Amino acid sequence: MEKKTSRMKKINSLLKKEISSILQEEYEFGRDNFISINLVDTKTDLSLADVYISSLKEEEEIVESLNKESKHIRYILSKRIDIKKTPQLRFKVDKFNVVL
């Protein structure tokens, strides 16, 4: 993980908020499941953003599904935010945070 400037911290925060909103509005993960985006880590050239998620269950399957849908999520994201380049999204299981 690179040292982040205040600009990159703002971009990561914006991406986290908007991706969370997209997932809540566009996708269904089951009534008894909860998805949390814990961290977004974007490269400084905005080429790639690693999105770390945690879930109550089936994390690996959800990450696999989200990675298959990443182009669609990126497209929706590009319509919602105004930045120079919308990064490619790569979803990962957050092994460091646990949802209780």
PDB file of N, CA and C in Angstrom:
ATOM      1  N   MET A   1       0.844  -1.172   0.000  1.00  0.00           N
ATOM      2  CA  MET A   1       0.000   0.000   0.000  1.00  0.00           C
ATOM      3  C   MET A   1       0.894   1.241   0.000  1.00  0.00           C
ATOM      4  N   GLU A   2       0.619   2.154  -0.930  1.00  0.00           N
ATOM      5  CA  GLU A   2       1.402   3.367  -1.056  1.00  0.00           C
ATOM      6  C   GLU A   2       0.972   4.386  -0.006  1.00  0.00           C
ATOM      7  N   LYS A   3       1.898   5.326   0.292  1.00  0.00           N
ATOM      8  CA  LYS A   3       1.527   6.428   1.172  1.00  0.00           C
ATOM      9  C   LYS A   3       0.562   7.329   0.429  1.00  0.00           C
ATOM     10  N   LYS A   4      -0.546   7.662   1.038  1.00  0.00           N
ATOM     11  CA  LYS A   4      -1.615   8.381   0.362  1.00  0.00           C
ATOM     12  C   LYS A   4      -1.599   9.871   0.706  1.00  0.00           C
ATOM     13  N   THR A   5      -1.791  10.693  -0.324  1.00  0.00           N
ATOM     14  CA  THR A   5      -1.942  12.124  -0.144  1.00  0.00           C
ATOM     15  C   THR A   5      -3.382  12.406   0.277  1.00  0.00           C
ATOM     16  N   SER A   6      -3.629  13.630   0.680  1.00  0.00           N
ATOM     17  CA  SER A   6      -4.997  13.976   1.084  1.00  0.00           C
ATOM     18  C   SER A   6      -5.953  13.866  -0.103  1.00  0.00           C
ATOM     19  N   ARG A   7      -5.482  14.162  -1.307  1.00  0.00           N
ATOM     20  CA  ARG A   7      -6.313  14.020  -2.507  1.00  0.00           C
ATOM     21  C   ARG A   7      -6.720  12.568  -2.700  1.00  0.00           C
ATOM     22  N   MET A   8      -5.775  11.650  -2.565  1.00  0.00           N
ATOM     23  CA  MET A   8      -6.068  10.228  -2.745  1.00  0.00           C
ATOM     24  C   MET A   8      -6.976   9.713  -1.635  1.00  0.00           C
ATOM     25  N   LYS A   9      -6.822  10.229  -0.436  1.00  0.00           N
ATOM     26  CA  LYS A   9      -7.711   9.833   0.661  1.00  0.00           C
ATOM     27  C   LYS A   9      -9.147  10.253   0.355  1.00  0.00           C
ATOM     28  N   LYS A  10      -9.313  11.438  -0.215  1.00  0.00           N
ATOM     29  CA  LYS A  10     -10.649  11.916  -0.577  1.00  0.00           C
ATOM     30  C   LYS A  10     -11.234  11.063  -1.693  1.00  0.00           C
ATOM     31  N   ILE A  11     -10.421  10.724  -2.680  1.00  0.00           N
ATOM     32  CA  ILE A  11     -10.899   9.884  -3.782  1.00  0.00           C
ATOM     33  C   ILE A  11     -11.303   8.512  -3.252  1.00  0.00           C
ATOM     34  N   ASN A  12     -10.478   7.913  -2.388  1.00  0.00           N
ATOM     35  CA  ASN A  12     -10.806   6.606  -1.810  1.00  0.00           C
ATOM     36  C   ASN A  12     -12.095   6.659  -1.011  1.00  0.00           C
ATOM     37  N   SER A  13     -12.281   7.723  -0.267  1.00  0.00           N
ATOM     38  CA  SER A  13     -13.498   7.886   0.529  1.00  0.00           C
ATOM     39  C   SER A  13     -14.723   8.030  -0.379  1.00  0.00           C
ATOM     40  N   LEU A  14     -14.602   8.815  -1.438  1.00  0.00           N
ATOM     41  CA  LEU A  14     -15.693   8.988  -2.389  1.00  0.00           C
ATOM     42  C   LEU A  14     -16.039   7.667  -3.077  1.00  0.00           C
ATOM     43  N   LEU A  15     -15.019   6.940  -3.514  1.00  0.00           N
ATOM     44  CA  LEU A  15     -15.250   5.650  -4.160  1.00  0.00           C
ATOM     45  C   LEU A  15     -15.932   4.674  -3.212  1.00  0.00           C
ATOM     46  N   LYS A  16     -15.480   4.638  -1.971  1.00  0.00           N
ATOM     47  CA  LYS A  16     -16.072   3.747  -0.967  1.00  0.00           C
ATOM     48  C   LYS A  16     -17.560   4.058  -0.780  1.00  0.00           C
ATOM     49  N   LYS A  17     -17.883   5.329  -0.653  1.00  0.00           N
ATOM     50  CA  LYS A  17     -19.272   5.750  -0.459  1.00  0.00           C
ATOM     51  C   LYS A  17     -20.130   5.381  -1.666  1.00  0.00           C
ATOM     52  N   GLU A  18     -19.658   5.686  -2.860  1.00  0.00           N
ATOM     53  CA  GLU A  18     -20.452   5.451  -4.066  1.00  0.00           C
ATOM     54  C   GLU A  18     -20.578   3.960  -4.393  1.00  0.00           C
ATOM     55  N   ILE A  19     -19.520   3.194  -4.217  1.00  0.00           N
ATOM     56  CA  ILE A  19     -19.602   1.751  -4.475  1.00  0.00           C
ATOM     57  C   ILE A  19     -20.559   1.109  -3.475  1.00  0.00           C
ATOM     58  N   SER A  20     -20.518   1.529  -2.227  1.00  0.00           N
ATOM     59  CA  SER A  20     -21.461   1.019  -1.219  1.00  0.00           C
ATOM     60  C   SER A  20     -22.890   1.299  -1.639  1.00  0.00           C
ATOM     61  N   SER A  21     -23.121   2.500  -2.114  1.00  0.00           N
ATOM     62  CA  SER A  21     -24.455   2.882  -2.559  1.00  0.00           C
ATOM     63  C   SER A  21     -24.899   2.050  -3.764  1.00  0.00           C
ATOM     64  N   ILE A  22     -24.012   1.845  -4.720  1.00  0.00           N
ATOM     65  CA  ILE A  22     -24.324   1.036  -5.906  1.00  0.00           C
ATOM     66  C   ILE A  22     -24.679  -0.389  -5.500  1.00  0.00           C
ATOM     67  N   LEU A  23     -23.886  -0.978  -4.618  1.00  0.00           N
ATOM     68  CA  LEU A  23     -24.146  -2.356  -4.193  1.00  0.00           C
ATOM     69  C   LEU A  23     -25.478  -2.467  -3.473  1.00  0.00           C
ATOM     70  N   GLN A  24     -25.796  -1.468  -2.675  1.00  0.00           N
ATOM     71  CA  GLN A  24     -27.058  -1.486  -1.936  1.00  0.00           C
ATOM     72  C   GLN A  24     -28.250  -1.338  -2.882  1.00  0.00           C
ATOM     73  N   GLU A  25     -28.126  -0.488  -3.891  1.00  0.00           N
ATOM     74  CA  GLU A  25     -29.245  -0.206  -4.793  1.00  0.00           C
ATOM     75  C   GLU A  25     -29.404  -1.245  -5.904  1.00  0.00           C
ATOM     76  N   GLU A  26     -28.310  -1.786  -6.406  1.00  0.00           N
ATOM     77  CA  GLU A  26     -28.343  -2.595  -7.622  1.00  0.00           C
ATOM     78  C   GLU A  26     -28.261  -4.110  -7.397  1.00  0.00           C
ATOM     79  N   TYR A  27     -27.765  -4.532  -6.238  1.00  0.00           N
ATOM     80  CA  TYR A  27     -27.490  -5.957  -6.048  1.00  0.00           C
ATOM     81  C   TYR A  27     -28.172  -6.492  -4.804  1.00  0.00           C
ATOM     82  N   GLU A  28     -28.549  -7.762  -4.869  1.00  0.00           N
ATOM     83  CA  GLU A  28     -29.205  -8.456  -3.765  1.00  0.00           C
ATOM     84  C   GLU A  28     -28.283  -9.587  -3.304  1.00  0.00           C
ATOM     85  N   PHE A  29     -27.938  -9.588  -2.032  1.00  0.00           N
ATOM     86  CA  PHE A  29     -27.030 -10.605  -1.495  1.00  0.00           C
ATOM     87  C   PHE A  29     -27.717 -11.518  -0.490  1.00  0.00           C
ATOM     88  N   GLY A  30     -29.011 -11.489  -0.469  1.00  0.00           N
ATOM     89  CA  GLY A  30     -29.753 -12.315   0.482  1.00  0.00           C
ATOM     90  C   GLY A  30     -30.235 -11.490   1.654  1.00  0.00           C
ATOM     91  N   ARG A  31     -31.383 -11.866   2.152  1.00  0.00           N
ATOM     92  CA  ARG A  31     -31.981 -11.105   3.248  1.00  0.00           C
ATOM     93  C   ARG A  31     -31.199 -11.231   4.546  1.00  0.00           C
ATOM     94  N   ASP A  32     -30.528 -12.323   4.723  1.00  0.00           N
ATOM     95  CA  ASP A  32     -29.805 -12.537   5.977  1.00  0.00           C
ATOM     96  C   ASP A  32     -28.295 -12.318   5.822  1.00  0.00           C
ATOM     97  N   ASN A  33     -27.903 -11.573   4.802  1.00  0.00           N
ATOM     98  CA  ASN A  33     -26.486 -11.293   4.595  1.00  0.00           C
ATOM     99  C   ASN A  33     -26.271  -9.786   4.562  1.00  0.00           C
ATOM    100  N   PHE A  34     -25.096  -9.378   4.983  1.00  0.00           N
ATOM    101  CA  PHE A  34     -24.734  -7.964   5.044  1.00  0.00           C
ATOM    102  C   PHE A  34     -23.345  -7.799   4.452  1.00  0.00           C
ATOM    103  N   ILE A  35     -23.192  -6.863   3.524  1.00  0.00           N
ATOM    104  CA  ILE A  35     -21.902  -6.592   2.885  1.00  0.00           C
ATOM    105  C   ILE A  35     -21.395  -5.249   3.375  1.00  0.00           C
ATOM    106  N   SER A  36     -20.119  -5.200   3.717  1.00  0.00           N
ATOM    107  CA  SER A  36     -19.504  -3.954   4.151  1.00  0.00           C
ATOM    108  C   SER A  36     -18.244  -3.710   3.337  1.00  0.00           C
ATOM    109  N   ILE A  37     -18.105  -2.494   2.827  1.00  0.00           N
ATOM    110  CA  ILE A  37     -16.857  -2.111   2.171  1.00  0.00           C
ATOM    111  C   ILE A  37     -16.002  -1.460   3.239  1.00  0.00           C
ATOM    112  N   ASN A  38     -14.894  -2.093   3.553  1.00  0.00           N
ATOM    113  CA  ASN A  38     -14.042  -1.627   4.638  1.00  0.00           C
ATOM    114  C   ASN A  38     -12.960  -0.664   4.181  1.00  0.00           C
ATOM    115  N   LEU A  39     -12.487  -0.836   2.948  1.00  0.00           N
ATOM    116  CA  LEU A  39     -11.360  -0.036   2.486  1.00  0.00           C
ATOM    117  C   LEU A  39     -11.355  -0.010   0.968  1.00  0.00           C
ATOM    118  N   VAL A  40     -11.012   1.137   0.414  1.00  0.00           N
ATOM    119  CA  VAL A  40     -10.736   1.253  -1.012  1.00  0.00           C
ATOM    120  C   VAL A  40      -9.334   1.812  -1.123  1.00  0.00           C
ATOM    121  N   ASP A  41      -8.487   1.116  -1.858  1.00  0.00           N
ATOM    122  CA  ASP A  41      -7.091   1.520  -2.041  1.00  0.00           C
ATOM    123  C   ASP A  41      -6.849   1.725  -3.537  1.00  0.00           C
ATOM    124  N   THR A  42      -6.749   2.988  -3.944  1.00  0.00           N
ATOM    125  CA  THR A  42      -6.615   3.344  -5.352  1.00  0.00           C
ATOM    126  C   THR A  42      -5.168   3.712  -5.665  1.00  0.00           C
ATOM    127  N   LYS A  43      -4.684   3.237  -6.810  1.00  0.00           N
ATOM    128  CA  LYS A  43      -3.353   3.642  -7.263  1.00  0.00           C
ATOM    129  C   LYS A  43      -3.382   5.125  -7.622  1.00  0.00           C
ATOM    130  N   THR A  44      -2.259   5.789  -7.468  1.00  0.00           N
ATOM    131  CA  THR A  44      -2.208   7.237  -7.684  1.00  0.00           C
ATOM    132  C   THR A  44      -2.505   7.639  -9.122  1.00  0.00           C
ATOM    133  N   ASP A  45      -2.297   6.743 -10.081  1.00  0.00           N
ATOM    134  CA  ASP A  45      -2.620   7.068 -11.479  1.00  0.00           C
ATOM    135  C   ASP A  45      -4.078   6.746 -11.819  1.00  0.00           C
ATOM    136  N   LEU A  46      -4.861   6.332 -10.835  1.00  0.00           N
ATOM    137  CA  LEU A  46      -6.286   6.008 -10.963  1.00  0.00           C
ATOM    138  C   LEU A  46      -6.558   4.839 -11.916  1.00  0.00           C
ATOM    139  N   SER A  47      -5.574   3.988 -12.118  1.00  0.00           N
ATOM    140  CA  SER A  47      -5.768   2.857 -13.029  1.00  0.00           C
ATOM    141  C   SER A  47      -6.494   1.699 -12.361  1.00  0.00           C
ATOM    142  N   LEU A  48      -6.338   1.539 -11.058  1.00  0.00           N
ATOM    143  CA  LEU A  48      -6.884   0.383 -10.355  1.00  0.00           C
ATOM    144  C   LEU A  48      -7.254   0.754  -8.932  1.00  0.00           C
ATOM    145  N   ALA A  49      -8.394   0.234  -8.490  1.00  0.00           N
ATOM    146  CA  ALA A  49      -8.817   0.405  -7.101  1.00  0.00           C
ATOM    147  C   ALA A  49      -9.118  -0.966  -6.522  1.00  0.00           C
ATOM    148  N   ASP A  50      -8.433  -1.315  -5.447  1.00  0.00           N
ATOM    149  CA  ASP A  50      -8.725  -2.542  -4.717  1.00  0.00           C
ATOM    150  C   ASP A  50      -9.809  -2.217  -3.694  1.00  0.00           C
ATOM    151  N   VAL A  51     -10.910  -2.963  -3.753  1.00  0.00           N
ATOM    152  CA  VAL A  51     -12.051  -2.739  -2.872  1.00  0.00           C
ATOM    153  C   VAL A  51     -12.135  -3.927  -1.915  1.00  0.00           C
ATOM    154  N   TYR A  52     -11.873  -3.690  -0.635  1.00  0.00           N
ATOM    155  CA  TYR A  52     -11.861  -4.750   0.369  1.00  0.00           C
ATOM    156  C   TYR A  52     -13.226  -4.811   1.041  1.00  0.00           C
ATOM    157  N   ILE A  53     -13.846  -5.993   0.982  1.00  0.00           N
ATOM    158  CA  ILE A  53     -15.178  -6.164   1.559  1.00  0.00           C
ATOM    159  C   ILE A  53     -15.159  -7.234   2.638  1.00  0.00           C
ATOM    160  N   SER A  54     -16.160  -7.161   3.489  1.00  0.00           N
ATOM    161  CA  SER A  54     -16.415  -8.248   4.434  1.00  0.00           C
ATOM    162  C   SER A  54     -17.914  -8.507   4.402  1.00  0.00           C
ATOM    163  N   SER A  55     -18.274  -9.713   4.784  1.00  0.00           N
ATOM    164  CA  SER A  55     -19.657 -10.142   4.722  1.00  0.00           C
ATOM    165  C   SER A  55     -19.931 -11.114   5.860  1.00  0.00           C
ATOM    166  N   LEU A  56     -21.195 -11.253   6.189  1.00  0.00           N
ATOM    167  CA  LEU A  56     -21.544 -12.200   7.237  1.00  0.00           C
ATOM    168  C   LEU A  56     -21.308 -13.641   6.800  1.00  0.00           C
ATOM    169  N   LYS A  57     -21.493 -13.913   5.498  1.00  0.00           N
ATOM    170  CA  LYS A  57     -21.247 -15.269   5.005  1.00  0.00           C
ATOM    171  C   LYS A  57     -20.955 -15.228   3.513  1.00  0.00           C
ATOM    172  N   GLU A  58     -20.400 -16.297   3.014  1.00  0.00           N
ATOM    173  CA  GLU A  58     -20.106 -16.498   1.591  1.00  0.00           C
ATOM    174  C   GLU A  58     -19.231 -15.401   0.991  1.00  0.00           C
ATOM    175  N   GLU A  59     -18.218 -14.958   1.695  1.00  0.00           N
ATOM    176  CA  GLU A  59     -17.372 -13.871   1.213  1.00  0.00           C
ATOM    177  C   GLU A  59     -16.699 -14.197  -0.114  1.00  0.00           C
ATOM    178  N   GLU A  60     -16.124 -15.380  -0.213  1.00  0.00           N
ATOM    179  CA  GLU A  60     -15.400 -15.742  -1.438  1.00  0.00           C
ATOM    180  C   GLU A  60     -16.325 -15.742  -2.656  1.00  0.00           C
ATOM    181  N   GLU A  61     -17.531 -16.280  -2.504  1.00  0.00           N
ATOM    182  CA  GLU A  61     -18.485 -16.311  -3.603  1.00  0.00           C
ATOM    183  C   GLU A  61     -18.934 -14.907  -3.991  1.00  0.00           C
ATOM    184  N   ILE A  62     -19.135 -14.053  -3.002  1.00  0.00           N
ATOM    185  CA  ILE A  62     -19.556 -12.675  -3.262  1.00  0.00           C
ATOM    186  C   ILE A  62     -18.461 -11.911  -3.988  1.00  0.00           C
ATOM    187  N   VAL A  63     -17.222 -12.080  -3.555  1.00  0.00           N
ATOM    188  CA  VAL A  63     -16.097 -11.413  -4.208  1.00  0.00           C
ATOM    189  C   VAL A  63     -15.974 -11.879  -5.659  1.00  0.00           C
ATOM    190  N   GLU A  64     -16.123 -13.165  -5.873  1.00  0.00           N
ATOM    191  CA  GLU A  64     -16.061 -13.705  -7.233  1.00  0.00           C
ATOM    192  C   GLU A  64     -17.167 -13.096  -8.101  1.00  0.00           C
ATOM    193  N   SER A  65     -18.366 -13.010  -7.562  1.00  0.00           N
ATOM    194  CA  SER A  65     -19.499 -12.428  -8.281  1.00  0.00           C
ATOM    195  C   SER A  65     -19.267 -10.941  -8.566  1.00  0.00           C
ATOM    196  N   LEU A  66     -18.779 -10.211  -7.581  1.00  0.00           N
ATOM    197  CA  LEU A  66     -18.521  -8.786  -7.771  1.00  0.00           C
ATOM    198  C   LEU A  66     -17.427  -8.537  -8.801  1.00  0.00           C
ATOM    199  N   ASN A  67     -16.409  -9.386  -8.811  1.00  0.00           N
ATOM    200  CA  ASN A  67     -15.349  -9.229  -9.812  1.00  0.00           C
ATOM    201  C   ASN A  67     -15.882  -9.483 -11.219  1.00  0.00           C
ATOM    202  N   LYS A  68     -16.838 -10.396 -11.352  1.00  0.00           N
ATOM    203  CA  LYS A  68     -17.469 -10.616 -12.660  1.00  0.00           C
ATOM    204  C   LYS A  68     -18.303  -9.407 -13.078  1.00  0.00           C
ATOM    205  N   GLU A  69     -18.893  -8.716 -12.105  1.00  0.00           N
ATOM    206  CA  GLU A  69     -19.739  -7.548 -12.358  1.00  0.00           C
ATOM    207  C   GLU A  69     -18.972  -6.228 -12.303  1.00  0.00           C
ATOM    208  N   SER A  70     -17.659  -6.284 -12.130  1.00  0.00           N
ATOM    209  CA  SER A  70     -16.879  -5.062 -11.890  1.00  0.00           C
ATOM    210  C   SER A  70     -16.970  -4.052 -13.031  1.00  0.00           C
ATOM    211  N   LYS A  71     -17.063  -4.521 -14.268  1.00  0.00           N
ATOM    212  CA  LYS A  71     -17.175  -3.579 -15.394  1.00  0.00           C
ATOM    213  C   LYS A  71     -18.487  -2.813 -15.338  1.00  0.00           C
ATOM    214  N   HIS A  72     -19.557  -3.500 -14.984  1.00  0.00           N
ATOM    215  CA  HIS A  72     -20.859  -2.833 -14.863  1.00  0.00           C
ATOM    216  C   HIS A  72     -20.854  -1.856 -13.684  1.00  0.00           C
ATOM    217  N   ILE A  73     -20.288  -2.265 -12.575  1.00  0.00           N
ATOM    218  CA  ILE A  73     -20.205  -1.391 -11.401  1.00  0.00           C
ATOM    219  C   ILE A  73     -19.361  -0.163 -11.733  1.00  0.00           C
ATOM    220  N   ARG A  74     -18.269  -0.374 -12.445  1.00  0.00           N
ATOM    221  CA  ARG A  74     -17.406   0.737 -12.863  1.00  0.00           C
ATOM    222  C   ARG A  74     -18.161   1.701 -13.781  1.00  0.00           C
ATOM    223  N   TYR A  75     -18.973   1.162 -14.682  1.00  0.00           N
ATOM    224  CA  TYR A  75     -19.760   2.003 -15.584  1.00  0.00           C
ATOM    225  C   TYR A  75     -20.729   2.881 -14.791  1.00  0.00           C
ATOM    226  N   ILE A  76     -21.449   2.290 -13.852  1.00  0.00           N
ATOM    227  CA  ILE A  76     -22.378   3.059 -13.021  1.00  0.00           C
ATOM    228  C   ILE A  76     -21.611   4.111 -12.220  1.00  0.00           C
ATOM    229  N   LEU A  77     -20.477   3.715 -11.676  1.00  0.00           N
ATOM    230  CA  LEU A  77     -19.641   4.622 -10.890  1.00  0.00           C
ATOM    231  C   LEU A  77     -19.185   5.812 -11.725  1.00  0.00           C
ATOM    232  N   SER A  78     -18.823   5.565 -12.974  1.00  0.00           N
ATOM    233  CA  SER A  78     -18.351   6.648 -13.839  1.00  0.00           C
ATOM    234  C   SER A  78     -19.438   7.682 -14.112  1.00  0.00           C
ATOM    235  N   LYS A  79     -20.690   7.260 -14.056  1.00  0.00           N
ATOM    236  CA  LYS A  79     -21.805   8.180 -14.260  1.00  0.00           C
ATOM    237  C   LYS A  79     -22.101   9.010 -13.005  1.00  0.00           C
ATOM    238  N   ARG A  80     -21.671   8.513 -11.849  1.00  0.00           N
ATOM    239  CA  ARG A  80     -21.993   9.178 -10.579  1.00  0.00           C
ATOM    240  C   ARG A  80     -20.916  10.134 -10.090  1.00  0.00           C
ATOM    241  N   ILE A  81     -19.675   9.880 -10.440  1.00  0.00           N
ATOM    242  CA  ILE A  81     -18.588  10.703  -9.905  1.00  0.00           C
ATOM    243  C   ILE A  81     -17.898  11.451 -11.040  1.00  0.00           C
ATOM    244  N   ASP A  82     -17.269  12.545 -10.687  1.00  0.00           N
ATOM    245  CA  ASP A  82     -16.596  13.380 -11.674  1.00  0.00           C
ATOM    246  C   ASP A  82     -15.100  13.417 -11.361  1.00  0.00           C
ATOM    247  N   ILE A  83     -14.400  12.394 -11.844  1.00  0.00           N
ATOM    248  CA  ILE A  83     -12.945  12.381 -11.735  1.00  0.00           C
ATOM    249  C   ILE A  83     -12.377  12.101 -13.116  1.00  0.00           C
ATOM    250  N   LYS A  84     -11.101  12.402 -13.251  1.00  0.00           N
ATOM    251  CA  LYS A  84     -10.430  12.295 -14.543  1.00  0.00           C
ATOM    252  C   LYS A  84     -10.567  10.910 -15.162  1.00  0.00           C
ATOM    253  N   LYS A  85     -10.403   9.899 -14.368  1.00  0.00           N
ATOM    254  CA  LYS A  85     -10.423   8.518 -14.856  1.00  0.00           C
ATOM    255  C   LYS A  85     -11.049   7.640 -13.785  1.00  0.00           C
ATOM    256  N   THR A  86     -12.041   6.865 -14.171  1.00  0.00           N
ATOM    257  CA  THR A  86     -12.659   5.931 -13.223  1.00  0.00           C
ATOM    258  C   THR A  86     -11.797   4.671 -13.184  1.00  0.00           C
ATOM    259  N   PRO A  87     -11.285   4.312 -12.008  1.00  0.00           N
ATOM    260  CA  PRO A  87     -10.372   3.166 -11.936  1.00  0.00           C
ATOM    261  C   PRO A  87     -11.070   1.832 -12.180  1.00  0.00           C
ATOM    262  N   GLN A  88     -10.294   0.889 -12.661  1.00  0.00           N
ATOM    263  CA  GLN A  88     -10.758  -0.489 -12.767  1.00  0.00           C
ATOM    264  C   GLN A  88     -10.924  -0.996 -11.339  1.00  0.00           C
ATOM    265  N   LEU A  89     -11.979  -1.771 -11.084  1.00  0.00           N
ATOM    266  CA  LEU A  89     -12.274  -2.238  -9.731  1.00  0.00           C
ATOM    267  C   LEU A  89     -11.870  -3.692  -9.570  1.00  0.00           C
ATOM    268  N   ARG A  90     -11.220  -3.976  -8.449  1.00  0.00           N
ATOM    269  CA  ARG A  90     -10.849  -5.349  -8.116  1.00  0.00           C
ATOM    270  C   ARG A  90     -11.294  -5.588  -6.675  1.00  0.00           C
ATOM    271  N   PHE A  91     -12.267  -6.474  -6.513  1.00  0.00           N
ATOM    272  CA  PHE A  91     -12.809  -6.763  -5.190  1.00  0.00           C
ATOM    273  C   PHE A  91     -12.007  -7.866  -4.518  1.00  0.00           C
ATOM    274  N   LYS A  92     -11.800  -7.699  -3.204  1.00  0.00           N
ATOM    275  CA  LYS A  92     -11.049  -8.666  -2.413  1.00  0.00           C
ATOM    276  C   LYS A  92     -11.718  -8.837  -1.058  1.00  0.00           C
ATOM    277  N   VAL A  93     -11.521  -9.997  -0.472  1.00  0.00           N
ATOM    278  CA  VAL A  93     -11.997 -10.232   0.891  1.00  0.00           C
ATOM    279  C   VAL A  93     -11.054  -9.512   1.848  1.00  0.00           C
ATOM    280  N   ASP A  94     -11.624  -8.770   2.776  1.00  0.00           N
ATOM    281  CA  ASP A  94     -10.819  -8.083   3.782  1.00  0.00           C
ATOM    282  C   ASP A  94     -10.531  -9.054   4.919  1.00  0.00           C
ATOM    283  N   LYS A  95      -9.331  -9.537   4.960  1.00  0.00           N
ATOM    284  CA  LYS A  95      -8.940 -10.526   5.971  1.00  0.00           C
ATOM    285  C   LYS A  95      -8.627  -9.891   7.329  1.00  0.00           C
ATOM    286  N   PHE A  96      -8.524  -8.544   7.360  1.00  0.00           N
ATOM    287  CA  PHE A  96      -8.084  -7.889   8.571  1.00  0.00           C
ATOM    288  C   PHE A  96      -9.218  -7.360   9.434  1.00  0.00           C
ATOM    289  N   ASN A  97     -10.362  -7.067   8.828  1.00  0.00           N
ATOM    290  CA  ASN A  97     -11.521  -6.590   9.583  1.00  0.00           C
ATOM    291  C   ASN A  97     -12.587  -7.658   9.602  1.00  0.00           C
ATOM    292  N   VAL A  98     -13.275  -7.760  10.704  1.00  0.00           N
ATOM    293  CA  VAL A  98     -14.324  -8.755  10.850  1.00  0.00           C
ATOM    294  C   VAL A  98     -15.619  -8.034  11.185  1.00  0.00           C
ATOM    295  N   VAL A  99     -16.691  -8.349  10.447  1.00  0.00           N
ATOM    296  CA  VAL A  99     -18.002  -7.787  10.725  1.00  0.00           C
ATOM    297  C   VAL A  99     -18.614  -8.600  11.854  1.00  0.00           C
ATOM    298  N   LEU A 100     -19.045  -7.932  12.906  1.00  0.00           N
ATOM    299  CA  LEU A 100     -19.682  -8.609  14.043  1.00  0.00           C
ATOM    300  C   LEU A 100     -21.168  -8.423  14.023  1.00  0.00           C
TER     301      LEU A 100
END
